[in-house]
Amino acid sequence: MRDPETGNSKGFAFINFANFEASDAAIEAMNGQYLCNRSISVSYAFKKDGKNERHGSAAERILCAQNPLSLADKPHTLFADAPPEKPVQEETEEPARNGMPMPPPMMPGMLPPNMPPNLPSMAPNMRPGM
C-alpha cells in the first residue's frame, strides 16, 4: 500500500488467495523470509470491526468450504510445472521474415555485415603529446 499524498510505501500489502490452503501455504513459506534485507511478517489481516480478530478463523473456513463458487475459483497452476509447450512448426530450408531470408546466427565476436570494426580512440597517425 502507498500513501496517496506522497506515494511512499506504507510497508504493508494485502494479497487475496482462492482458498485457505493456498493462503496457509503462502504464510508458512513466506513468514520470516527476508525482503530487501528485512525480515517480513506474513499473516491474516485484521477484521474491520476493530475487535483485534484476524481473518482465517474456523467459521470462515467452514463457510468457504460450503460456498459452491469457491470450488470453481481454483487458481491456474500450469505455471508451476513448466511453461506451456509451443506447437511444433515444420522448419523450411530458408525461414522467411517478411519475404527476406533470415540472417545466419551471430557467433561471439562476430560483427553484422557492413558493420565497421571498433575504431581506436585515436587516429593511427596521431600519438599522445603531438
N, C-alpha and C. Protein backbone atom coordinates (compact mmCIF):
# COMPACT_ATOMS: atom_id res chain seq x y z
N MET A 1 0.85 -1.17 0.00
CA MET A 1 0.00 0.00 0.00
C MET A 1 0.89 1.23 0.00
N ARG A 2 0.42 2.27 -0.68
CA ARG A 2 1.17 3.52 -0.75
C ARG A 2 0.35 4.67 -0.20
N ASP A 3 1.02 5.63 0.34
CA ASP A 3 0.39 6.84 0.82
C ASP A 3 -0.08 7.62 -0.40
N PRO A 4 -1.37 7.98 -0.49
CA PRO A 4 -1.86 8.65 -1.69
C PRO A 4 -1.27 10.05 -1.88
N GLU A 5 -0.85 10.69 -0.80
CA GLU A 5 -0.30 12.05 -0.92
C GLU A 5 1.15 12.05 -1.34
N THR A 6 1.96 11.18 -0.73
CA THR A 6 3.40 11.19 -1.00
C THR A 6 3.83 10.12 -1.99
N GLY A 7 3.05 9.05 -2.11
CA GLY A 7 3.44 7.94 -2.98
C GLY A 7 4.41 6.99 -2.31
N ASN A 8 4.78 7.25 -1.06
CA ASN A 8 5.70 6.38 -0.33
C ASN A 8 4.98 5.10 0.12
N SER A 9 5.75 4.02 0.21
CA SER A 9 5.19 2.76 0.67
C SER A 9 4.81 2.86 2.14
N LYS A 10 3.67 2.27 2.50
CA LYS A 10 3.26 2.23 3.90
C LYS A 10 3.87 1.03 4.61
N GLY A 11 4.49 0.12 3.87
CA GLY A 11 5.17 -1.01 4.47
C GLY A 11 4.31 -2.25 4.63
N PHE A 12 3.14 -2.29 4.00
CA PHE A 12 2.32 -3.49 4.07
C PHE A 12 1.55 -3.65 2.77
N ALA A 13 1.00 -4.86 2.59
CA ALA A 13 0.25 -5.16 1.37
C ALA A 13 -0.85 -6.15 1.71
N PHE A 14 -1.86 -6.23 0.86
CA PHE A 14 -2.93 -7.20 1.01
C PHE A 14 -2.90 -8.11 -0.21
N ILE A 15 -2.99 -9.41 0.03
CA ILE A 15 -2.96 -10.39 -1.04
C ILE A 15 -4.16 -11.31 -0.88
N ASN A 16 -4.85 -11.59 -1.98
CA ASN A 16 -6.01 -12.48 -1.96
C ASN A 16 -5.62 -13.84 -2.51
N PHE A 17 -6.20 -14.88 -1.95
CA PHE A 17 -5.99 -16.23 -2.43
C PHE A 17 -7.34 -16.87 -2.69
N ALA A 18 -7.34 -17.89 -3.55
CA ALA A 18 -8.58 -18.56 -3.94
C ALA A 18 -9.12 -19.43 -2.81
N ASN A 19 -8.25 -19.93 -1.93
CA ASN A 19 -8.71 -20.81 -0.86
C ASN A 19 -7.76 -20.70 0.34
N PHE A 20 -8.19 -21.26 1.45
CA PHE A 20 -7.38 -21.18 2.67
C PHE A 20 -6.13 -22.04 2.58
N GLU A 21 -6.18 -23.13 1.83
CA GLU A 21 -4.99 -23.98 1.70
C GLU A 21 -3.85 -23.19 1.05
N ALA A 22 -4.18 -22.42 0.02
CA ALA A 22 -3.15 -21.63 -0.67
C ALA A 22 -2.62 -20.53 0.24
N SER A 23 -3.52 -19.85 0.97
CA SER A 23 -3.05 -18.78 1.85
C SER A 23 -2.24 -19.34 3.02
N ASP A 24 -2.64 -20.48 3.56
CA ASP A 24 -1.87 -21.10 4.65
C ASP A 24 -0.46 -21.47 4.17
N ALA A 25 -0.37 -22.01 2.95
CA ALA A 25 0.94 -22.38 2.40
C ALA A 25 1.81 -21.15 2.19
N ALA A 26 1.22 -20.06 1.69
CA ALA A 26 1.98 -18.83 1.47
C ALA A 26 2.47 -18.25 2.79
N ILE A 27 1.61 -18.26 3.81
CA ILE A 27 2.01 -17.74 5.12
C ILE A 27 3.15 -18.57 5.69
N GLU A 28 3.02 -19.88 5.60
CA GLU A 28 4.07 -20.76 6.14
C GLU A 28 5.39 -20.57 5.40
N ALA A 29 5.32 -20.41 4.08
CA ALA A 29 6.54 -20.29 3.28
C ALA A 29 7.19 -18.91 3.40
N MET A 30 6.39 -17.86 3.53
CA MET A 30 6.95 -16.51 3.44
C MET A 30 7.17 -15.82 4.78
N ASN A 31 6.47 -16.20 5.83
CA ASN A 31 6.63 -15.51 7.10
C ASN A 31 8.05 -15.69 7.62
N GLY A 32 8.70 -14.58 7.94
CA GLY A 32 10.08 -14.62 8.43
C GLY A 32 11.13 -14.57 7.35
N GLN A 33 10.73 -14.62 6.08
CA GLN A 33 11.70 -14.51 4.99
C GLN A 33 12.22 -13.08 4.92
N TYR A 34 13.31 -12.89 4.18
CA TYR A 34 13.90 -11.56 4.06
C TYR A 34 13.57 -10.95 2.71
N LEU A 35 13.19 -9.70 2.74
CA LEU A 35 12.91 -8.92 1.53
C LEU A 35 13.67 -7.62 1.68
N CYS A 36 14.59 -7.37 0.77
CA CYS A 36 15.44 -6.16 0.85
C CYS A 36 16.15 -6.10 2.20
N ASN A 37 16.71 -7.21 2.63
CA ASN A 37 17.47 -7.33 3.88
C ASN A 37 16.64 -7.04 5.13
N ARG A 38 15.33 -7.19 5.05
CA ARG A 38 14.47 -7.01 6.22
C ARG A 38 13.56 -8.21 6.35
N SER A 39 13.42 -8.71 7.56
CA SER A 39 12.53 -9.83 7.82
C SER A 39 11.09 -9.36 7.66
N ILE A 40 10.27 -10.15 6.95
CA ILE A 40 8.88 -9.77 6.74
C ILE A 40 7.96 -10.63 7.60
N SER A 41 6.84 -10.05 7.96
CA SER A 41 5.82 -10.75 8.73
C SER A 41 4.62 -10.97 7.81
N VAL A 42 4.20 -12.22 7.67
CA VAL A 42 3.07 -12.55 6.80
C VAL A 42 2.02 -13.23 7.66
N SER A 43 0.80 -12.68 7.67
CA SER A 43 -0.29 -13.25 8.48
C SER A 43 -1.62 -12.81 7.89
N TYR A 44 -2.68 -13.37 8.44
CA TYR A 44 -4.02 -12.96 8.01
C TYR A 44 -4.28 -11.53 8.49
N ALA A 45 -5.06 -10.79 7.70
CA ALA A 45 -5.38 -9.40 8.02
C ALA A 45 -6.35 -9.34 9.21
N PHE A 46 -6.31 -8.22 9.89
CA PHE A 46 -7.28 -7.98 10.96
C PHE A 46 -8.64 -7.69 10.35
N LYS A 47 -9.69 -8.12 11.03
CA LYS A 47 -11.04 -7.83 10.56
C LYS A 47 -11.34 -6.36 10.78
N LYS A 48 -12.23 -5.80 9.97
CA LYS A 48 -12.53 -4.37 10.02
C LYS A 48 -13.30 -3.94 11.27
N ASP A 49 -13.96 -4.86 11.95
CA ASP A 49 -14.81 -4.47 13.08
C ASP A 49 -14.01 -3.94 14.28
N GLY A 50 -12.69 -4.09 14.27
CA GLY A 50 -11.87 -3.50 15.31
C GLY A 50 -11.77 -4.30 16.59
N LYS A 51 -12.17 -5.56 16.60
CA LYS A 51 -12.11 -6.38 17.82
C LYS A 51 -10.79 -7.14 17.92
N ASN A 52 -9.81 -6.73 17.16
CA ASN A 52 -8.49 -7.34 17.18
C ASN A 52 -8.51 -8.81 16.77
N GLU A 53 -9.47 -9.19 15.91
CA GLU A 53 -9.56 -10.55 15.39
C GLU A 53 -9.01 -10.56 13.97
N ARG A 54 -8.41 -11.69 13.61
CA ARG A 54 -7.86 -11.84 12.26
C ARG A 54 -8.77 -12.74 11.43
N HIS A 55 -8.69 -12.58 10.13
CA HIS A 55 -9.38 -13.48 9.20
C HIS A 55 -8.71 -14.85 9.28
N GLY A 56 -9.39 -15.88 8.76
CA GLY A 56 -8.85 -17.24 8.76
C GLY A 56 -9.37 -18.09 9.89
N SER A 57 -10.43 -17.64 10.52
CA SER A 57 -10.99 -18.40 11.65
C SER A 57 -11.63 -19.70 11.15
N ALA A 58 -11.94 -20.58 12.09
CA ALA A 58 -12.59 -21.85 11.75
C ALA A 58 -13.95 -21.60 11.10
N ALA A 59 -14.69 -20.61 11.57
CA ALA A 59 -16.01 -20.30 11.00
C ALA A 59 -15.87 -19.86 9.54
N GLU A 60 -14.89 -19.02 9.24
CA GLU A 60 -14.68 -18.58 7.85
C GLU A 60 -14.29 -19.75 6.96
N ARG A 61 -13.51 -20.65 7.49
CA ARG A 61 -13.09 -21.81 6.70
C ARG A 61 -14.28 -22.72 6.38
N ILE A 62 -15.19 -22.89 7.33
CA ILE A 62 -16.38 -23.72 7.09
C ILE A 62 -17.27 -23.06 6.04
N LEU A 63 -17.47 -21.75 6.17
CA LEU A 63 -18.29 -21.03 5.18
C LEU A 63 -17.67 -21.10 3.79
N CYS A 64 -16.37 -20.98 3.72
CA CYS A 64 -15.69 -21.05 2.42
C CYS A 64 -15.84 -22.44 1.80
N ALA A 65 -15.73 -23.47 2.61
CA ALA A 65 -15.85 -24.84 2.10
C ALA A 65 -17.25 -25.13 1.59
N GLN A 66 -18.27 -24.47 2.16
CA GLN A 66 -19.65 -24.68 1.74
C GLN A 66 -20.04 -23.82 0.54
N ASN A 67 -19.24 -22.84 0.20
CA ASN A 67 -19.56 -21.92 -0.90
C ASN A 67 -19.25 -22.60 -2.23
N PRO A 68 -20.28 -22.84 -3.08
CA PRO A 68 -20.02 -23.51 -4.36
C PRO A 68 -19.14 -22.68 -5.29
N LEU A 69 -19.15 -21.36 -5.15
CA LEU A 69 -18.31 -20.52 -6.01
C LEU A 69 -16.83 -20.68 -5.68
N SER A 70 -16.51 -20.94 -4.41
CA SER A 70 -15.10 -21.09 -4.04
C SER A 70 -14.51 -22.35 -4.66
N LEU A 71 -15.33 -23.37 -4.90
CA LEU A 71 -14.83 -24.59 -5.53
C LEU A 71 -14.49 -24.36 -6.99
N ALA A 72 -15.23 -23.46 -7.65
CA ALA A 72 -14.97 -23.19 -9.06
C ALA A 72 -13.84 -22.18 -9.24
N ASP A 73 -13.46 -21.51 -8.18
CA ASP A 73 -12.45 -20.46 -8.27
C ASP A 73 -11.06 -21.01 -7.94
N LYS A 74 -10.67 -22.05 -8.63
CA LYS A 74 -9.36 -22.63 -8.39
C LYS A 74 -8.33 -21.87 -9.20
N PRO A 75 -7.14 -21.65 -8.65
CA PRO A 75 -6.12 -20.90 -9.39
C PRO A 75 -5.56 -21.72 -10.55
N HIS A 76 -5.04 -21.01 -11.52
CA HIS A 76 -4.38 -21.62 -12.66
C HIS A 76 -3.01 -22.09 -12.19
N THR A 77 -2.72 -23.37 -12.29
CA THR A 77 -1.47 -23.89 -11.73
C THR A 77 -0.52 -24.45 -12.79
N LEU A 78 -0.80 -24.27 -14.05
CA LEU A 78 0.10 -24.81 -15.08
C LEU A 78 1.48 -24.18 -15.01
N PHE A 79 1.57 -22.95 -14.51
CA PHE A 79 2.86 -22.29 -14.44
C PHE A 79 3.81 -22.99 -13.48
N ALA A 80 3.30 -23.74 -12.53
CA ALA A 80 4.14 -24.36 -11.52
C ALA A 80 4.96 -25.51 -12.09
N ASP A 81 4.46 -26.20 -13.11
CA ASP A 81 5.17 -27.35 -13.64
C ASP A 81 6.21 -26.95 -14.69
N ALA A 82 5.78 -26.26 -15.70
CA ALA A 82 6.66 -25.88 -16.79
C ALA A 82 5.91 -24.90 -17.68
N PRO A 83 6.65 -24.15 -18.49
CA PRO A 83 5.94 -23.26 -19.41
C PRO A 83 5.14 -24.08 -20.41
N PRO A 84 4.05 -23.53 -20.95
CA PRO A 84 3.26 -24.29 -21.91
C PRO A 84 4.09 -24.64 -23.15
N GLU A 85 3.80 -25.80 -23.68
CA GLU A 85 4.53 -26.24 -24.86
C GLU A 85 4.03 -25.48 -26.08
N LYS A 86 4.98 -25.07 -26.91
CA LYS A 86 4.62 -24.39 -28.15
C LYS A 86 4.37 -25.44 -29.22
N PRO A 87 3.42 -25.18 -30.11
CA PRO A 87 3.20 -26.15 -31.19
C PRO A 87 4.43 -26.23 -32.07
N VAL A 88 4.74 -27.46 -32.48
CA VAL A 88 5.90 -27.68 -33.31
C VAL A 88 5.58 -27.26 -34.74
N GLN A 89 6.42 -26.39 -35.30
CA GLN A 89 6.25 -25.96 -36.68
C GLN A 89 7.35 -26.60 -37.51
N GLU A 90 6.96 -27.04 -38.70
CA GLU A 90 7.96 -27.62 -39.58
C GLU A 90 8.87 -26.52 -40.09
N GLU A 91 10.18 -26.75 -39.98
CA GLU A 91 11.13 -25.75 -40.44
C GLU A 91 11.42 -25.96 -41.92
N THR A 92 11.47 -24.88 -42.65
CA THR A 92 11.84 -24.95 -44.05
C THR A 92 13.34 -24.73 -44.16
N GLU A 93 13.88 -24.96 -45.33
CA GLU A 93 15.31 -24.77 -45.50
C GLU A 93 15.71 -23.33 -45.26
N GLU A 94 14.89 -22.38 -45.71
CA GLU A 94 15.16 -20.96 -45.51
C GLU A 94 13.94 -20.30 -44.90
N PRO A 95 13.90 -20.19 -43.56
CA PRO A 95 12.75 -19.49 -42.98
C PRO A 95 12.71 -18.04 -43.46
N ALA A 96 11.54 -17.54 -43.75
CA ALA A 96 11.42 -16.20 -44.29
C ALA A 96 10.90 -15.24 -43.22
N ARG A 97 11.34 -13.99 -43.33
CA ARG A 97 10.88 -12.92 -42.46
C ARG A 97 10.51 -11.77 -43.38
N ASN A 98 9.20 -11.56 -43.53
CA ASN A 98 8.69 -10.54 -44.45
C ASN A 98 9.25 -10.74 -45.86
N GLY A 99 9.35 -11.99 -46.26
CA GLY A 99 9.83 -12.27 -47.61
C GLY A 99 11.34 -12.31 -47.71
N MET A 100 12.06 -11.97 -46.65
CA MET A 100 13.53 -11.96 -46.68
C MET A 100 14.05 -13.17 -45.92
N PRO A 101 15.14 -13.78 -46.38
CA PRO A 101 15.70 -14.91 -45.63
C PRO A 101 16.29 -14.43 -44.31
N MET A 102 16.29 -15.31 -43.31
CA MET A 102 16.85 -14.98 -42.01
C MET A 102 18.37 -14.94 -42.09
N PRO A 103 19.00 -14.00 -41.41
CA PRO A 103 20.47 -13.97 -41.42
C PRO A 103 21.02 -15.14 -40.62
N PRO A 104 22.27 -15.52 -40.88
CA PRO A 104 22.86 -16.61 -40.11
C PRO A 104 23.01 -16.18 -38.65
N PRO A 105 23.04 -17.14 -37.72
CA PRO A 105 23.19 -16.77 -36.31
C PRO A 105 24.55 -16.13 -36.06
N MET A 106 24.58 -15.18 -35.13
CA MET A 106 25.83 -14.49 -34.81
C MET A 106 26.63 -15.31 -33.81
N MET A 107 27.90 -15.38 -34.02
CA MET A 107 28.81 -16.05 -33.09
C MET A 107 29.46 -14.97 -32.24
N PRO A 108 29.89 -15.29 -31.01
CA PRO A 108 30.55 -14.28 -30.18
C PRO A 108 31.74 -13.68 -30.90
N GLY A 109 31.86 -12.36 -30.87
CA GLY A 109 32.96 -11.66 -31.51
C GLY A 109 32.72 -11.31 -32.96
N MET A 110 31.65 -11.82 -33.57
CA MET A 110 31.37 -11.53 -34.97
C MET A 110 30.64 -10.19 -35.07
N LEU A 111 30.82 -9.51 -36.18
CA LEU A 111 30.12 -8.27 -36.45
C LEU A 111 29.07 -8.53 -37.52
N PRO A 112 27.95 -7.83 -37.46
CA PRO A 112 26.98 -7.96 -38.54
C PRO A 112 27.58 -7.49 -39.86
N PRO A 113 27.04 -7.94 -40.99
CA PRO A 113 27.56 -7.49 -42.28
C PRO A 113 27.48 -5.97 -42.40
N ASN A 114 28.45 -5.40 -43.11
CA ASN A 114 28.54 -3.95 -43.36
C ASN A 114 28.71 -3.14 -42.08
N MET A 115 29.24 -3.73 -41.02
CA MET A 115 29.47 -3.03 -39.77
C MET A 115 30.96 -2.86 -39.60
N PRO A 116 31.46 -1.61 -39.49
CA PRO A 116 32.90 -1.44 -39.33
C PRO A 116 33.36 -1.94 -37.96
N PRO A 117 34.60 -2.40 -37.87
CA PRO A 117 35.10 -2.84 -36.57
C PRO A 117 35.23 -1.64 -35.63
N ASN A 118 35.42 -1.90 -34.33
CA ASN A 118 35.59 -0.81 -33.38
C ASN A 118 36.79 0.03 -33.79
N LEU A 119 36.60 1.33 -33.85
CA LEU A 119 37.68 2.22 -34.23
C LEU A 119 38.50 2.57 -33.00
N PRO A 120 39.84 2.70 -33.16
CA PRO A 120 40.65 3.09 -32.00
C PRO A 120 40.29 4.51 -31.57
N SER A 121 40.63 4.83 -30.32
CA SER A 121 40.27 6.15 -29.81
C SER A 121 41.04 7.26 -30.49
N MET A 122 42.21 6.96 -31.07
CA MET A 122 42.99 7.97 -31.79
C MET A 122 43.26 7.46 -33.20
N ALA A 123 43.40 8.39 -34.11
CA ALA A 123 43.76 8.00 -35.47
C ALA A 123 45.13 7.38 -35.46
N PRO A 124 45.47 6.45 -36.40
CA PRO A 124 46.77 5.76 -36.36
C PRO A 124 47.95 6.70 -36.44
N ASN A 125 47.82 7.85 -37.13
CA ASN A 125 48.96 8.74 -37.28
C ASN A 125 49.09 9.73 -36.13
N MET A 126 48.19 9.65 -35.16
CA MET A 126 48.23 10.57 -34.01
C MET A 126 48.86 9.83 -32.82
N ARG A 127 49.74 10.48 -32.10
CA ARG A 127 50.33 9.91 -30.90
C ARG A 127 50.14 10.90 -29.76
N PRO A 128 50.08 10.40 -28.54
CA PRO A 128 49.92 11.33 -27.42
C PRO A 128 51.07 12.35 -27.38
N GLY A 129 50.74 13.57 -27.03
CA GLY A 129 51.73 14.63 -26.94
C GLY A 129 51.96 15.36 -28.24
N MET A 130 51.32 14.97 -29.30
CA MET A 130 51.52 15.64 -30.58
C MET A 130 50.51 16.72 -30.78
